[in-house]
Amino acid sequence: MIARFTAATALALGLLAGCATLPPPTLPTRDAMRDFVLESRFALRATPPGQAAQSSGGRLTWSHRDRHDRILLANPLGYGVAEIDSAPNGARLRTADGQEHTSPDPDALIEAVTGLRLPVARLPAWLLGRSGGNARILSDAQGRPGQLHEAGWRIDYVYDDGRPDALPARLTISRPGEIELKLRIEEWKEHP
């Protein structure tokens, strides 16, 4: 009985030691990232013209590859709410109830459906701390994008990793008095 216990304990310790020697996963770097997939939680607070502030939140999955974007929005319980497909030739938004809206301009599409003008076309660059056109970027102490200002928008970046080339873990995208979108990015992956 003692021999079996000792053997089982040795096996368990061996397995734990084996697990401890696994190298940590390689995290993509901000400068090398071109195409990506990210998983995030979001909180949105918006004040449409002439209305009281409204808030919502949930989950967001974003796939960006070669100027094509697919954004899946879900409520906090994970039920799909909307899907946005955007490419250089136009954009399509599908809602959970089967409605479909299209437009040649993704920003105009979001505005037509929600009443809010969100910079969907600029967001892939902003997520990576890059200019979507003509931005002023302020660096943090490690030389990473700390704050970006472009076209009346402000993006604040927070990092969980101390590396100078780390990807942001939290972003706040805001247009004062109109909209504030907070993202808590749970996972970054390079798009295959």
C-alpha atoms as a PDB file:
ATOM      1  CA  MET A   1       0.000   0.000   0.000  1.00  0.00           C
ATOM      2  CA  ILE A   2       2.799   2.418   0.924  1.00  0.00           C
ATOM      3  CA  ALA A   3       4.691   1.468  -2.236  1.00  0.00           C
ATOM      4  CA  ARG A   4       1.644   2.327  -4.411  1.00  0.00           C
ATOM      5  CA  PHE A   5       1.212   5.648  -2.579  1.00  0.00           C
ATOM      6  CA  THR A   6       4.903   6.453  -3.052  1.00  0.00           C
ATOM      7  CA  ALA A   7       4.765   5.497  -6.729  1.00  0.00           C
ATOM      8  CA  ALA A   8       1.620   7.573  -7.268  1.00  0.00           C
ATOM      9  CA  THR A   9       3.194  10.543  -5.470  1.00  0.00           C
ATOM     10  CA  ALA A  10       6.370  10.242  -7.567  1.00  0.00           C
ATOM     11  CA  LEU A  11       4.297  10.072 -10.762  1.00  0.00           C
ATOM     12  CA  ALA A  12       2.261  13.122  -9.759  1.00  0.00           C
ATOM     13  CA  LEU A  13       5.393  15.111  -8.893  1.00  0.00           C
ATOM     14  CA  GLY A  14       6.973  14.057 -12.183  1.00  0.00           C
ATOM     15  CA  LEU A  15       3.934  15.254 -14.114  1.00  0.00           C
ATOM     16  CA  LEU A  16       3.911  18.571 -12.243  1.00  0.00           C
ATOM     17  CA  ALA A  17       7.617  19.044 -12.898  1.00  0.00           C
ATOM     18  CA  GLY A  18       7.023  18.312 -16.586  1.00  0.00           C
ATOM     19  CA  CYS A  19       4.282  20.931 -16.713  1.00  0.00           C
ATOM     20  CA  ALA A  20       6.498  23.494 -15.020  1.00  0.00           C
ATOM     21  CA  THR A  21       9.144  23.150 -17.739  1.00  0.00           C
ATOM     22  CA  LEU A  22       6.826  24.038 -20.622  1.00  0.00           C
ATOM     23  CA  PRO A  23       7.922  27.307 -22.222  1.00  0.00           C
ATOM     24  CA  PRO A  24       5.469  30.177 -21.974  1.00  0.00           C
ATOM     25  CA  PRO A  25       3.450  30.820 -25.128  1.00  0.00           C
ATOM     26  CA  THR A  26       5.070  33.227 -27.560  1.00  0.00           C
ATOM     27  CA  LEU A  27       3.127  36.459 -27.538  1.00  0.00           C
ATOM     28  CA  PRO A  28       2.887  38.397 -30.782  1.00  0.00           C
ATOM     29  CA  THR A  29       4.567  41.789 -30.801  1.00  0.00           C
ATOM     30  CA  ARG A  30       2.856  45.031 -31.678  1.00  0.00           C
ATOM     31  CA  ASP A  31       5.341  46.013 -34.391  1.00  0.00           C
ATOM     32  CA  ALA A  32       5.180  42.614 -36.130  1.00  0.00           C
ATOM     33  CA  MET A  33       1.388  42.325 -35.990  1.00  0.00           C
ATOM     34  CA  ARG A  34      -0.392  42.925 -39.285  1.00  0.00           C
ATOM     35  CA  ASP A  35      -3.375  40.583 -39.411  1.00  0.00           C
ATOM     36  CA  PHE A  36      -4.973  39.597 -36.119  1.00  0.00           C
ATOM     37  CA  VAL A  37      -7.793  37.962 -34.246  1.00  0.00           C
ATOM     38  CA  LEU A  38      -8.700  39.287 -30.834  1.00  0.00           C
ATOM     39  CA  GLU A  39     -11.146  38.301 -28.122  1.00  0.00           C
ATOM     40  CA  SER A  40     -12.393  41.085 -25.897  1.00  0.00           C
ATOM     41  CA  ARG A  41     -15.017  42.295 -23.505  1.00  0.00           C
ATOM     42  CA  PHE A  42     -16.480  45.706 -24.225  1.00  0.00           C
ATOM     43  CA  ALA A  43     -18.404  48.439 -22.463  1.00  0.00           C
ATOM     44  CA  LEU A  44     -20.016  51.178 -24.536  1.00  0.00           C
ATOM     45  CA  ARG A  45     -21.472  54.421 -23.262  1.00  0.00           C
ATOM     46  CA  ALA A  46     -23.014  56.686 -25.880  1.00  0.00           C
ATOM     47  CA  THR A  47     -25.023  59.892 -25.878  1.00  0.00           C
ATOM     48  CA  PRO A  48     -26.929  60.157 -29.167  1.00  0.00           C
ATOM     49  CA  PRO A  49     -27.901  63.728 -30.126  1.00  0.00           C
ATOM     50  CA  GLY A  50     -30.875  64.920 -28.066  1.00  0.00           C
ATOM     51  CA  GLN A  51     -31.029  61.736 -25.950  1.00  0.00           C
ATOM     52  CA  ALA A  52     -29.893  60.552 -22.549  1.00  0.00           C
ATOM     53  CA  ALA A  53     -26.706  58.518 -22.250  1.00  0.00           C
ATOM     54  CA  GLN A  54     -27.074  54.803 -22.997  1.00  0.00           C
ATOM     55  CA  SER A  55     -24.814  51.946 -21.946  1.00  0.00           C
ATOM     56  CA  SER A  56     -24.277  48.406 -23.144  1.00  0.00           C
ATOM     57  CA  GLY A  57     -21.626  45.768 -22.950  1.00  0.00           C
ATOM     58  CA  GLY A  58     -20.715  42.274 -23.929  1.00  0.00           C
ATOM     59  CA  ARG A  59     -18.161  40.292 -25.869  1.00  0.00           C
ATOM     60  CA  LEU A  60     -16.408  41.139 -29.101  1.00  0.00           C
ATOM     61  CA  THR A  61     -14.431  38.918 -31.471  1.00  0.00           C
ATOM     62  CA  TRP A  62     -12.520  40.774 -34.164  1.00  0.00           C
ATOM     63  CA  SER A  63     -10.802  39.196 -37.145  1.00  0.00           C
ATOM     64  CA  HIS A  64      -8.682  41.514 -39.323  1.00  0.00           C
ATOM     65  CA  ARG A  65      -6.902  40.289 -42.436  1.00  0.00           C
ATOM     66  CA  ASP A  66      -5.669  42.299 -45.395  1.00  0.00           C
ATOM     67  CA  ARG A  67      -8.169  45.204 -44.998  1.00  0.00           C
ATOM     68  CA  HIS A  68     -11.071  42.797 -44.380  1.00  0.00           C
ATOM     69  CA  ASP A  69     -12.703  42.892 -40.963  1.00  0.00           C
ATOM     70  CA  ARG A  70     -15.243  40.655 -39.316  1.00  0.00           C
ATOM     71  CA  ILE A  71     -16.597  41.743 -35.955  1.00  0.00           C
ATOM     72  CA  LEU A  72     -18.888  39.516 -33.932  1.00  0.00           C
ATOM     73  CA  LEU A  73     -20.765  41.144 -31.054  1.00  0.00           C
ATOM     74  CA  ALA A  74     -22.412  39.133 -28.304  1.00  0.00           C
ATOM     75  CA  ASN A  75     -24.279  40.048 -25.141  1.00  0.00           C
ATOM     76  CA  PRO A  76     -22.636  39.335 -21.750  1.00  0.00           C
ATOM     77  CA  LEU A  77     -24.074  35.789 -21.800  1.00  0.00           C
ATOM     78  CA  GLY A  78     -22.442  35.065 -25.162  1.00  0.00           C
ATOM     79  CA  TYR A  79     -25.528  35.195 -27.389  1.00  0.00           C
ATOM     80  CA  GLY A  80     -24.773  36.752 -30.787  1.00  0.00           C
ATOM     81  CA  VAL A  81     -26.208  40.221 -31.261  1.00  0.00           C
ATOM     82  CA  ALA A  82     -24.635  41.395 -34.520  1.00  0.00           C
ATOM     83  CA  GLU A  83     -22.008  40.607 -37.121  1.00  0.00           C
ATOM     84  CA  ILE A  84     -20.199  43.257 -39.134  1.00  0.00           C
ATOM     85  CA  ASP A  85     -18.241  42.410 -42.282  1.00  0.00           C
ATOM     86  CA  SER A  86     -16.184  45.220 -43.770  1.00  0.00           C
ATOM     87  CA  ALA A  87     -13.964  45.251 -46.854  1.00  0.00           C
ATOM     88  CA  PRO A  88     -12.706  47.944 -49.235  1.00  0.00           C
ATOM     89  CA  ASN A  89     -15.754  47.389 -51.476  1.00  0.00           C
ATOM     90  CA  GLY A  90     -18.357  47.857 -48.712  1.00  0.00           C
ATOM     91  CA  ALA A  91     -19.769  46.717 -45.415  1.00  0.00           C
ATOM     92  CA  ARG A  92     -22.617  44.519 -44.194  1.00  0.00           C
ATOM     93  CA  LEU A  93     -24.221  44.336 -40.758  1.00  0.00           C
ATOM     94  CA  ARG A  94     -26.426  41.397 -39.773  1.00  0.00           C
ATOM     95  CA  THR A  95     -28.429  41.364 -36.565  1.00  0.00           C
ATOM     96  CA  ALA A  96     -29.537  38.381 -34.506  1.00  0.00           C
ATOM     97  CA  ASP A  97     -33.128  38.843 -35.700  1.00  0.00           C
ATOM     98  CA  GLY A  98     -32.053  38.330 -39.331  1.00  0.00           C
ATOM     99  CA  GLN A  99     -32.023  41.931 -40.519  1.00  0.00           C
ATOM    100  CA  GLU A 100     -29.242  42.841 -42.911  1.00  0.00           C
ATOM    101  CA  HIS A 101     -27.943  46.304 -43.775  1.00  0.00           C
ATOM    102  CA  THR A 102     -25.288  47.225 -46.348  1.00  0.00           C
ATOM    103  CA  SER A 103     -23.318  50.319 -47.293  1.00  0.00           C
ATOM    104  CA  PRO A 104     -20.194  51.150 -49.282  1.00  0.00           C
ATOM    105  CA  ASP A 105     -18.845  52.904 -46.128  1.00  0.00           C
ATOM    106  CA  PRO A 106     -18.596  50.962 -42.828  1.00  0.00           C
ATOM    107  CA  ASP A 107     -18.689  54.118 -40.691  1.00  0.00           C
ATOM    108  CA  ALA A 108     -21.842  55.330 -42.463  1.00  0.00           C
ATOM    109  CA  LEU A 109     -23.412  51.881 -42.057  1.00  0.00           C
ATOM    110  CA  ILE A 110     -22.918  51.881 -38.286  1.00  0.00           C
ATOM    111  CA  GLU A 111     -24.287  55.414 -38.099  1.00  0.00           C
ATOM    112  CA  ALA A 112     -27.369  54.502 -40.159  1.00  0.00           C
ATOM    113  CA  VAL A 113     -28.155  51.479 -37.974  1.00  0.00           C
ATOM    114  CA  THR A 114     -27.234  52.827 -34.520  1.00  0.00           C
ATOM    115  CA  GLY A 115     -27.304  56.613 -34.854  1.00  0.00           C
ATOM    116  CA  LEU A 116     -23.649  56.681 -33.727  1.00  0.00           C
ATOM    117  CA  ARG A 117     -20.680  57.424 -35.935  1.00  0.00           C
ATOM    118  CA  LEU A 118     -17.973  54.917 -34.974  1.00  0.00           C
ATOM    119  CA  PRO A 119     -14.645  54.932 -36.830  1.00  0.00           C
ATOM    120  CA  VAL A 120     -14.793  51.259 -37.869  1.00  0.00           C
ATOM    121  CA  ALA A 121     -12.410  51.818 -40.783  1.00  0.00           C
ATOM    122  CA  ARG A 122      -9.720  53.334 -38.516  1.00  0.00           C
ATOM    123  CA  LEU A 123     -10.083  50.920 -35.598  1.00  0.00           C
ATOM    124  CA  PRO A 124      -7.727  48.141 -36.813  1.00  0.00           C
ATOM    125  CA  ALA A 125      -4.814  50.610 -36.901  1.00  0.00           C
ATOM    126  CA  TRP A 126      -5.843  52.222 -33.609  1.00  0.00           C
ATOM    127  CA  LEU A 127      -6.030  48.848 -31.848  1.00  0.00           C
ATOM    128  CA  LEU A 128      -2.341  48.417 -32.629  1.00  0.00           C
ATOM    129  CA  GLY A 129      -1.420  51.973 -31.654  1.00  0.00           C
ATOM    130  CA  ARG A 130      -0.962  53.123 -35.238  1.00  0.00           C
ATOM    131  CA  SER A 131      -2.347  56.036 -37.158  1.00  0.00           C
ATOM    132  CA  GLY A 132      -5.446  55.427 -39.222  1.00  0.00           C
ATOM    133  CA  GLY A 133      -4.606  58.568 -41.184  1.00  0.00           C
ATOM    134  CA  ASN A 134      -2.976  61.552 -39.490  1.00  0.00           C
ATOM    135  CA  ALA A 135      -2.636  60.923 -35.753  1.00  0.00           C
ATOM    136  CA  ARG A 136      -0.696  62.428 -32.886  1.00  0.00           C
ATOM    137  CA  ILE A 137       0.668  59.575 -30.772  1.00  0.00           C
ATOM    138  CA  LEU A 138       2.030  60.129 -27.266  1.00  0.00           C
ATOM    139  CA  SER A 139       4.340  57.419 -25.923  1.00  0.00           C
ATOM    140  CA  ASP A 140       4.352  55.914 -22.433  1.00  0.00           C
ATOM    141  CA  ALA A 141       7.518  55.428 -20.318  1.00  0.00           C
ATOM    142  CA  GLN A 142       8.445  52.263 -22.286  1.00  0.00           C
ATOM    143  CA  GLY A 143       8.083  54.011 -25.653  1.00  0.00           C
ATOM    144  CA  ARG A 144       4.778  52.303 -26.481  1.00  0.00           C
ATOM    145  CA  PRO A 145       1.693  54.175 -27.681  1.00  0.00           C
ATOM    146  CA  GLY A 146       0.109  55.582 -24.531  1.00  0.00           C
ATOM    147  CA  GLN A 147      -2.408  57.891 -26.125  1.00  0.00           C
ATOM    148  CA  LEU A 148      -3.479  58.561 -29.698  1.00  0.00           C
ATOM    149  CA  HIS A 149      -5.435  61.573 -30.990  1.00  0.00           C
ATOM    150  CA  GLU A 150      -6.961  61.543 -34.445  1.00  0.00           C
ATOM    151  CA  ALA A 151      -9.997  63.127 -36.141  1.00  0.00           C
ATOM    152  CA  GLY A 152     -11.512  64.234 -32.798  1.00  0.00           C
ATOM    153  CA  TRP A 153     -11.018  60.798 -31.207  1.00  0.00           C
ATOM    154  CA  ARG A 154      -8.808  59.886 -28.265  1.00  0.00           C
ATOM    155  CA  ILE A 155      -7.489  56.390 -27.610  1.00  0.00           C
ATOM    156  CA  ASP A 156      -5.854  55.520 -24.274  1.00  0.00           C
ATOM    157  CA  TYR A 157      -3.740  52.351 -24.029  1.00  0.00           C
ATOM    158  CA  VAL A 158      -2.966  50.196 -20.991  1.00  0.00           C
ATOM    159  CA  TYR A 159      -0.565  47.240 -21.065  1.00  0.00           C
ATOM    160  CA  ASP A 160      -0.389  44.169 -18.823  1.00  0.00           C
ATOM    161  CA  ASP A 161       3.063  43.283 -20.174  1.00  0.00           C
ATOM    162  CA  GLY A 162       6.151  45.413 -19.523  1.00  0.00           C
ATOM    163  CA  ARG A 163       7.788  44.659 -22.886  1.00  0.00           C
ATOM    164  CA  PRO A 164       8.353  47.713 -25.103  1.00  0.00           C
ATOM    165  CA  ASP A 165       6.725  45.857 -28.040  1.00  0.00           C
ATOM    166  CA  ALA A 166       3.739  44.518 -26.068  1.00  0.00           C
ATOM    167  CA  LEU A 167       0.212  44.637 -27.418  1.00  0.00           C
ATOM    168  CA  PRO A 168      -2.322  46.658 -25.415  1.00  0.00           C
ATOM    169  CA  ALA A 169      -4.553  44.846 -22.945  1.00  0.00           C
ATOM    170  CA  ARG A 170      -7.075  47.655 -22.440  1.00  0.00           C
ATOM    171  CA  LEU A 171      -8.153  50.515 -24.655  1.00  0.00           C
ATOM    172  CA  THR A 172     -10.536  53.402 -24.149  1.00  0.00           C
ATOM    173  CA  ILE A 173     -11.721  54.918 -27.421  1.00  0.00           C
ATOM    174  CA  SER A 174     -13.636  58.142 -26.889  1.00  0.00           C
ATOM    175  CA  ARG A 175     -15.064  61.212 -28.497  1.00  0.00           C
ATOM    176  CA  PRO A 176     -15.810  63.634 -25.633  1.00  0.00           C
ATOM    177  CA  GLY A 177     -19.504  64.094 -24.904  1.00  0.00           C
ATOM    178  CA  GLU A 178     -20.558  61.527 -27.509  1.00  0.00           C
ATOM    179  CA  ILE A 179     -19.135  58.064 -27.050  1.00  0.00           C
ATOM    180  CA  GLU A 180     -16.792  55.994 -24.922  1.00  0.00           C
ATOM    181  CA  LEU A 181     -15.868  52.435 -25.886  1.00  0.00           C
ATOM    182  CA  LYS A 182     -13.771  50.411 -23.445  1.00  0.00           C
ATOM    183  CA  LEU A 183     -12.139  47.173 -24.566  1.00  0.00           C
ATOM    184  CA  ARG A 184     -10.548  44.591 -22.273  1.00  0.00           C
ATOM    185  CA  ILE A 185      -8.607  42.388 -24.665  1.00  0.00           C
ATOM    186  CA  GLU A 186      -8.364  38.849 -23.351  1.00  0.00           C
ATOM    187  CA  GLU A 187      -6.420  37.354 -26.241  1.00  0.00           C
ATOM    188  CA  TRP A 188      -4.431  38.532 -29.246  1.00  0.00           C
ATOM    189  CA  LYS A 189      -3.531  36.073 -32.000  1.00  0.00           C
ATOM    190  CA  GLU A 190      -1.856  36.504 -35.341  1.00  0.00           C
ATOM    191  CA  HIS A 191      -4.358  35.754 -38.093  1.00  0.00           C
ATOM    192  CA  PRO A 192      -3.340  32.527 -39.818  1.00  0.00           C
END
